Amino acid sequence: MKQRPQDPLQAVEAAALRLLARREHARAELARKLLARGHAAEAVAAVLDRLEAEGSLSEARFAETYARSRAERGYGPLRIRQELRRHGIDEARIEAALAALEIDWAARARELCRKRFGPEPPRDWKARARRLRYLQNRGFDPDFLRDFEAEGE
């Protein structure tokens, strides 16, 4: 049987490190999970401050990792931005994470359309509208889609 640490700070830190070992977390997300497990708010805040100071917890690293994984799954910048906001990431870090991706969004949109609808171009306005709706639902900006359609994609 495992021995639980007696010190509340040690217990919070052990739980936080177990969660961080699985994947990166945003500070707000990690705090929510630790509080849900019954840890004291003061202990959670103290441990999260210490983990940030030593580099084990990094919102910038979380934002970049999360943005990259969502982009690889075919999501556009609007959807990625929205999901990062939901995780409590501030706008400056979101912009930095999206800039770090260095993705050609037009090429990504063409690739998604080819995978979903095949290599042939849309034959009529219904097929074109279906492609644009698909891309909009994936998180591509309406202004981008207007330009994308004007290019004849």
Foldseek 3Di string as FASTA:
>chain_A
DDDQDPDLLVNLLVVLVVVLVVHAAALVRSLVVSVVVPRDSVSSVVNSVVCVVVVSHDLLVVLLVQLLVLVVVLADLQVSLVVSVVRVDDPVSNVVSVVVNPDPVLVSLLVVCCVVPNDDADDDPVSLVVSLVVNVVSGDDPVVSVVSVVVVD
